[in-house]
Amino acid sequence: MTPLKFGDEIEDYVRFSAPKPKAVDGNRLRGVVLKVDRFGNLITNITPQDAPMIFGADPKAFKIVAGSREITEIHNAYAEAAPGEVFGILGSMGFLEIAANRGAAAQLTGAGKGSGRLDHSRRGRCCGQGSVGQGSGTRGQGLGVRD
């Protein structure tokens, strides 16, 4: 198939720019869910460069609060988790994903686009408290954090 059969070349494309996670304090990083994929995985805006302490060979203790669940495990493969377990995984696009083995993390957590939070401590134990739900921001996708 020749390129002309695909249509005109687009020269004024717009590159997607994901919002960056924000440091809340020395122990907490606030990220958001950018998308819920067709499997129910929550794709966040958090990369290993944003939170190296949870992606290293010897990760520090952490807590990710998404909806009604607290996630404390990062796995390298879906099969490493128990059936129904909600966990973190580094997705193919380089972002932290909240996933569930044999389930939809979005349904199990009650979280969706616009929600999420990552708490971590440099001392090896979690110290943030709170829960996250979907707020009512100007576009209906705000982040609601309660301490």
C-alpha atoms as a PDB file:
ATOM      1  CA  MET A   1       0.000   0.000   0.000  1.00  0.00           C
ATOM      2  CA  THR A   2       1.394   3.396  -0.911  1.00  0.00           C
ATOM      3  CA  PRO A   3       1.453   6.247   1.618  1.00  0.00           C
ATOM      4  CA  LEU A   4      -0.944   8.279  -0.546  1.00  0.00           C
ATOM      5  CA  LYS A   5      -3.691   5.752   0.143  1.00  0.00           C
ATOM      6  CA  PHE A   6      -3.530   6.641   3.844  1.00  0.00           C
ATOM      7  CA  GLY A   7      -4.420  10.300   3.261  1.00  0.00           C
ATOM      8  CA  ASP A   8      -2.674  13.631   3.608  1.00  0.00           C
ATOM      9  CA  GLU A   9       0.421  13.956   5.739  1.00  0.00           C
ATOM     10  CA  ILE A  10      -0.293  15.711   9.040  1.00  0.00           C
ATOM     11  CA  GLU A  11       2.214  18.446   9.755  1.00  0.00           C
ATOM     12  CA  ASP A  12       0.461  20.362  12.544  1.00  0.00           C
ATOM     13  CA  TYR A  13       0.128  17.502  15.031  1.00  0.00           C
ATOM     14  CA  VAL A  14      -0.101  18.181  18.756  1.00  0.00           C
ATOM     15  CA  ARG A  15       2.090  16.160  21.103  1.00  0.00           C
ATOM     16  CA  PHE A  16       0.354  14.890  24.275  1.00  0.00           C
ATOM     17  CA  SER A  17       1.949  16.214  27.442  1.00  0.00           C
ATOM     18  CA  ALA A  18       1.083  14.237  30.577  1.00  0.00           C
ATOM     19  CA  PRO A  19       0.830  16.196  33.826  1.00  0.00           C
ATOM     20  CA  LYS A  20       3.823  15.683  36.108  1.00  0.00           C
ATOM     21  CA  PRO A  21       3.442  14.184  39.603  1.00  0.00           C
ATOM     22  CA  LYS A  22       3.810  16.737  42.385  1.00  0.00           C
ATOM     23  CA  ALA A  23       5.685  16.393  45.660  1.00  0.00           C
ATOM     24  CA  VAL A  24       3.298  17.030  48.556  1.00  0.00           C
ATOM     25  CA  ASP A  25       6.051  16.877  51.174  1.00  0.00           C
ATOM     26  CA  GLY A  26       9.245  14.883  51.760  1.00  0.00           C
ATOM     27  CA  ASN A  27       7.334  11.602  51.950  1.00  0.00           C
ATOM     28  CA  ARG A  28       4.461  11.970  49.511  1.00  0.00           C
ATOM     29  CA  LEU A  29       4.105  12.289  45.782  1.00  0.00           C
ATOM     30  CA  ARG A  30       0.734  13.045  44.227  1.00  0.00           C
ATOM     31  CA  GLY A  31       0.075  11.520  40.855  1.00  0.00           C
ATOM     32  CA  VAL A  32      -3.080  10.979  38.862  1.00  0.00           C
ATOM     33  CA  VAL A  33      -4.653   8.243  36.818  1.00  0.00           C
ATOM     34  CA  LEU A  34      -4.325   9.309  33.188  1.00  0.00           C
ATOM     35  CA  LYS A  35      -6.398   6.517  31.718  1.00  0.00           C
ATOM     36  CA  VAL A  36      -8.249   3.318  32.485  1.00  0.00           C
ATOM     37  CA  ASP A  37      -7.401   0.765  29.809  1.00  0.00           C
ATOM     38  CA  ARG A  38      -9.746  -1.873  28.407  1.00  0.00           C
ATOM     39  CA  PHE A  39      -8.611  -4.383  31.054  1.00  0.00           C
ATOM     40  CA  GLY A  40      -9.422  -2.014  33.930  1.00  0.00           C
ATOM     41  CA  ASN A  41      -5.772  -1.153  34.676  1.00  0.00           C
ATOM     42  CA  LEU A  42      -5.224   2.362  36.063  1.00  0.00           C
ATOM     43  CA  ILE A  43      -2.424   4.028  34.081  1.00  0.00           C
ATOM     44  CA  THR A  44      -0.822   6.760  36.186  1.00  0.00           C
ATOM     45  CA  ASN A  45       1.533   9.624  35.381  1.00  0.00           C
ATOM     46  CA  ILE A  46       4.250   8.233  37.702  1.00  0.00           C
ATOM     47  CA  THR A  47       7.496   6.956  36.157  1.00  0.00           C
ATOM     48  CA  PRO A  48      10.519   5.235  37.723  1.00  0.00           C
ATOM     49  CA  GLN A  49      12.335   8.596  37.511  1.00  0.00           C
ATOM     50  CA  ASP A  50       9.587  10.190  39.638  1.00  0.00           C
ATOM     51  CA  ALA A  51       9.623   7.458  42.315  1.00  0.00           C
ATOM     52  CA  PRO A  52      12.881   5.469  42.088  1.00  0.00           C
ATOM     53  CA  MET A  53      12.438   4.246  45.660  1.00  0.00           C
ATOM     54  CA  ILE A  54       9.647   1.840  44.632  1.00  0.00           C
ATOM     55  CA  PHE A  55      11.124   0.563  41.368  1.00  0.00           C
ATOM     56  CA  GLY A  56      14.636  -0.362  42.514  1.00  0.00           C
ATOM     57  CA  ALA A  57      16.016  -3.803  43.288  1.00  0.00           C
ATOM     58  CA  ASP A  58      15.465  -3.198  47.022  1.00  0.00           C
ATOM     59  CA  PRO A  59      12.369  -0.939  47.133  1.00  0.00           C
ATOM     60  CA  LYS A  60      11.555   1.126  50.205  1.00  0.00           C
ATOM     61  CA  ALA A  61       8.229   0.623  51.956  1.00  0.00           C
ATOM     62  CA  PHE A  62       5.482   2.594  50.239  1.00  0.00           C
ATOM     63  CA  LYS A  63       1.748   2.909  50.024  1.00  0.00           C
ATOM     64  CA  ILE A  64      -0.296   3.819  46.965  1.00  0.00           C
ATOM     65  CA  VAL A  65      -3.848   4.808  47.793  1.00  0.00           C
ATOM     66  CA  ALA A  66      -6.268   4.483  44.901  1.00  0.00           C
ATOM     67  CA  GLY A  67      -9.977   4.596  45.612  1.00  0.00           C
ATOM     68  CA  SER A  68     -10.724   2.260  48.493  1.00  0.00           C
ATOM     69  CA  ARG A  69      -7.489   0.243  48.287  1.00  0.00           C
ATOM     70  CA  GLU A  70      -3.950   0.588  49.580  1.00  0.00           C
ATOM     71  CA  ILE A  71      -1.319  -0.978  47.340  1.00  0.00           C
ATOM     72  CA  THR A  72       2.037  -1.953  48.864  1.00  0.00           C
ATOM     73  CA  GLU A  73       3.444  -4.297  46.216  1.00  0.00           C
ATOM     74  CA  ILE A  74       5.087  -3.746  42.836  1.00  0.00           C
ATOM     75  CA  HIS A  75       5.317  -6.857  40.645  1.00  0.00           C
ATOM     76  CA  ASN A  76       7.257  -7.459  37.441  1.00  0.00           C
ATOM     77  CA  ALA A  77       4.513  -9.607  35.900  1.00  0.00           C
ATOM     78  CA  TYR A  78       0.769 -10.044  36.394  1.00  0.00           C
ATOM     79  CA  ALA A  79       1.237 -13.739  37.227  1.00  0.00           C
ATOM     80  CA  GLU A  80       3.389 -12.845  40.269  1.00  0.00           C
ATOM     81  CA  ALA A  81       0.278 -11.562  42.054  1.00  0.00           C
ATOM     82  CA  ALA A  82      -2.358 -13.713  43.699  1.00  0.00           C
ATOM     83  CA  PRO A  83      -5.723 -13.900  41.909  1.00  0.00           C
ATOM     84  CA  GLY A  84      -7.689 -10.753  42.755  1.00  0.00           C
ATOM     85  CA  GLU A  85      -4.657  -8.971  44.257  1.00  0.00           C
ATOM     86  CA  VAL A  86      -4.362  -5.263  43.394  1.00  0.00           C
ATOM     87  CA  PHE A  87      -0.736  -4.264  42.799  1.00  0.00           C
ATOM     88  CA  GLY A  88       1.548  -1.885  40.928  1.00  0.00           C
ATOM     89  CA  ILE A  89       3.424  -2.779  37.761  1.00  0.00           C
ATOM     90  CA  LEU A  90       5.597  -0.824  35.356  1.00  0.00           C
ATOM     91  CA  GLY A  91       3.543  -0.674  32.168  1.00  0.00           C
ATOM     92  CA  SER A  92       4.753  -0.868  28.590  1.00  0.00           C
ATOM     93  CA  MET A  93       4.512   2.930  28.206  1.00  0.00           C
ATOM     94  CA  GLY A  94       6.893   3.468  31.148  1.00  0.00           C
ATOM     95  CA  PHE A  95       4.255   4.549  33.669  1.00  0.00           C
ATOM     96  CA  LEU A  96       3.190   2.959  36.946  1.00  0.00           C
ATOM     97  CA  GLU A  97      -0.024   1.017  36.442  1.00  0.00           C
ATOM     98  CA  ILE A  98      -2.365  -0.174  39.171  1.00  0.00           C
ATOM     99  CA  ALA A  99      -3.516  -3.622  38.078  1.00  0.00           C
ATOM    100  CA  ALA A 100      -5.273  -6.712  39.399  1.00  0.00           C
ATOM    101  CA  ASN A 101      -4.500 -10.318  38.579  1.00  0.00           C
ATOM    102  CA  ARG A 102      -7.621 -11.759  36.947  1.00  0.00           C
ATOM    103  CA  GLY A 103      -9.617  -8.626  37.691  1.00  0.00           C
ATOM    104  CA  ALA A 104     -10.151  -4.979  36.829  1.00  0.00           C
ATOM    105  CA  ALA A 105      -8.287  -2.652  39.201  1.00  0.00           C
ATOM    106  CA  ALA A 106     -10.665   0.210  38.354  1.00  0.00           C
ATOM    107  CA  GLN A 107     -13.625  -1.853  39.534  1.00  0.00           C
ATOM    108  CA  LEU A 108     -11.855  -3.313  42.589  1.00  0.00           C
ATOM    109  CA  THR A 109     -10.552   0.060  43.813  1.00  0.00           C
ATOM    110  CA  GLY A 110     -13.410   2.294  42.754  1.00  0.00           C
ATOM    111  CA  ALA A 111     -10.792   4.652  41.256  1.00  0.00           C
ATOM    112  CA  GLY A 112     -10.833   6.077  37.769  1.00  0.00           C
ATOM    113  CA  LYS A 113      -9.362   8.750  35.558  1.00  0.00           C
ATOM    114  CA  GLY A 114      -8.179  11.676  37.681  1.00  0.00           C
ATOM    115  CA  SER A 115      -7.606   9.825  40.962  1.00  0.00           C
ATOM    116  CA  GLY A 116      -4.492   8.494  42.664  1.00  0.00           C
ATOM    117  CA  ARG A 117      -1.827   9.125  45.270  1.00  0.00           C
ATOM    118  CA  LEU A 118       1.560   7.650  46.150  1.00  0.00           C
ATOM    119  CA  ASP A 119       2.957   7.820  49.679  1.00  0.00           C
ATOM    120  CA  HIS A 120       6.486   6.767  50.480  1.00  0.00           C
ATOM    121  CA  SER A 121       9.066   7.254  53.180  1.00  0.00           C
ATOM    122  CA  ARG A 122      12.835   7.449  52.892  1.00  0.00           C
ATOM    123  CA  ARG A 123      13.082   5.778  56.302  1.00  0.00           C
ATOM    124  CA  GLY A 124      11.549   2.539  55.063  1.00  0.00           C
ATOM    125  CA  ARG A 125       8.084   2.813  56.576  1.00  0.00           C
ATOM    126  CA  CYS A 126       4.983   4.514  55.320  1.00  0.00           C
ATOM    127  CA  CYS A 127       3.919   7.632  57.045  1.00  0.00           C
ATOM    128  CA  GLY A 128       1.152   9.240  55.011  1.00  0.00           C
ATOM    129  CA  GLN A 129      -2.494   8.655  55.854  1.00  0.00           C
ATOM    130  CA  GLY A 130      -5.490   9.300  53.692  1.00  0.00           C
ATOM    131  CA  SER A 131      -7.741   8.060  50.985  1.00  0.00           C
ATOM    132  CA  VAL A 132      -8.395   9.167  47.486  1.00  0.00           C
ATOM    133  CA  GLY A 133     -11.581   9.438  45.527  1.00  0.00           C
ATOM    134  CA  GLN A 134     -12.713  11.216  42.442  1.00  0.00           C
ATOM    135  CA  GLY A 135     -13.452  14.828  43.171  1.00  0.00           C
ATOM    136  CA  SER A 136     -15.522  17.276  41.227  1.00  0.00           C
ATOM    137  CA  GLY A 137     -12.965  19.449  39.504  1.00  0.00           C
ATOM    138  CA  THR A 138     -13.820  21.867  36.753  1.00  0.00           C
ATOM    139  CA  ARG A 139     -13.857  19.091  34.178  1.00  0.00           C
ATOM    140  CA  GLY A 140     -15.285  16.406  36.470  1.00  0.00           C
ATOM    141  CA  GLN A 141     -11.931  14.654  36.851  1.00  0.00           C
ATOM    142  CA  GLY A 142     -10.486  16.284  39.944  1.00  0.00           C
ATOM    143  CA  LEU A 143      -8.524  14.600  42.665  1.00  0.00           C
ATOM    144  CA  GLY A 144      -9.992  14.486  46.154  1.00  0.00           C
ATOM    145  CA  VAL A 145      -7.537  13.772  48.980  1.00  0.00           C
ATOM    146  CA  ARG A 146      -8.620  13.488  52.591  1.00  0.00           C
ATOM    147  CA  ASP A 147      -6.110  13.328  55.453  1.00  0.00           C
END
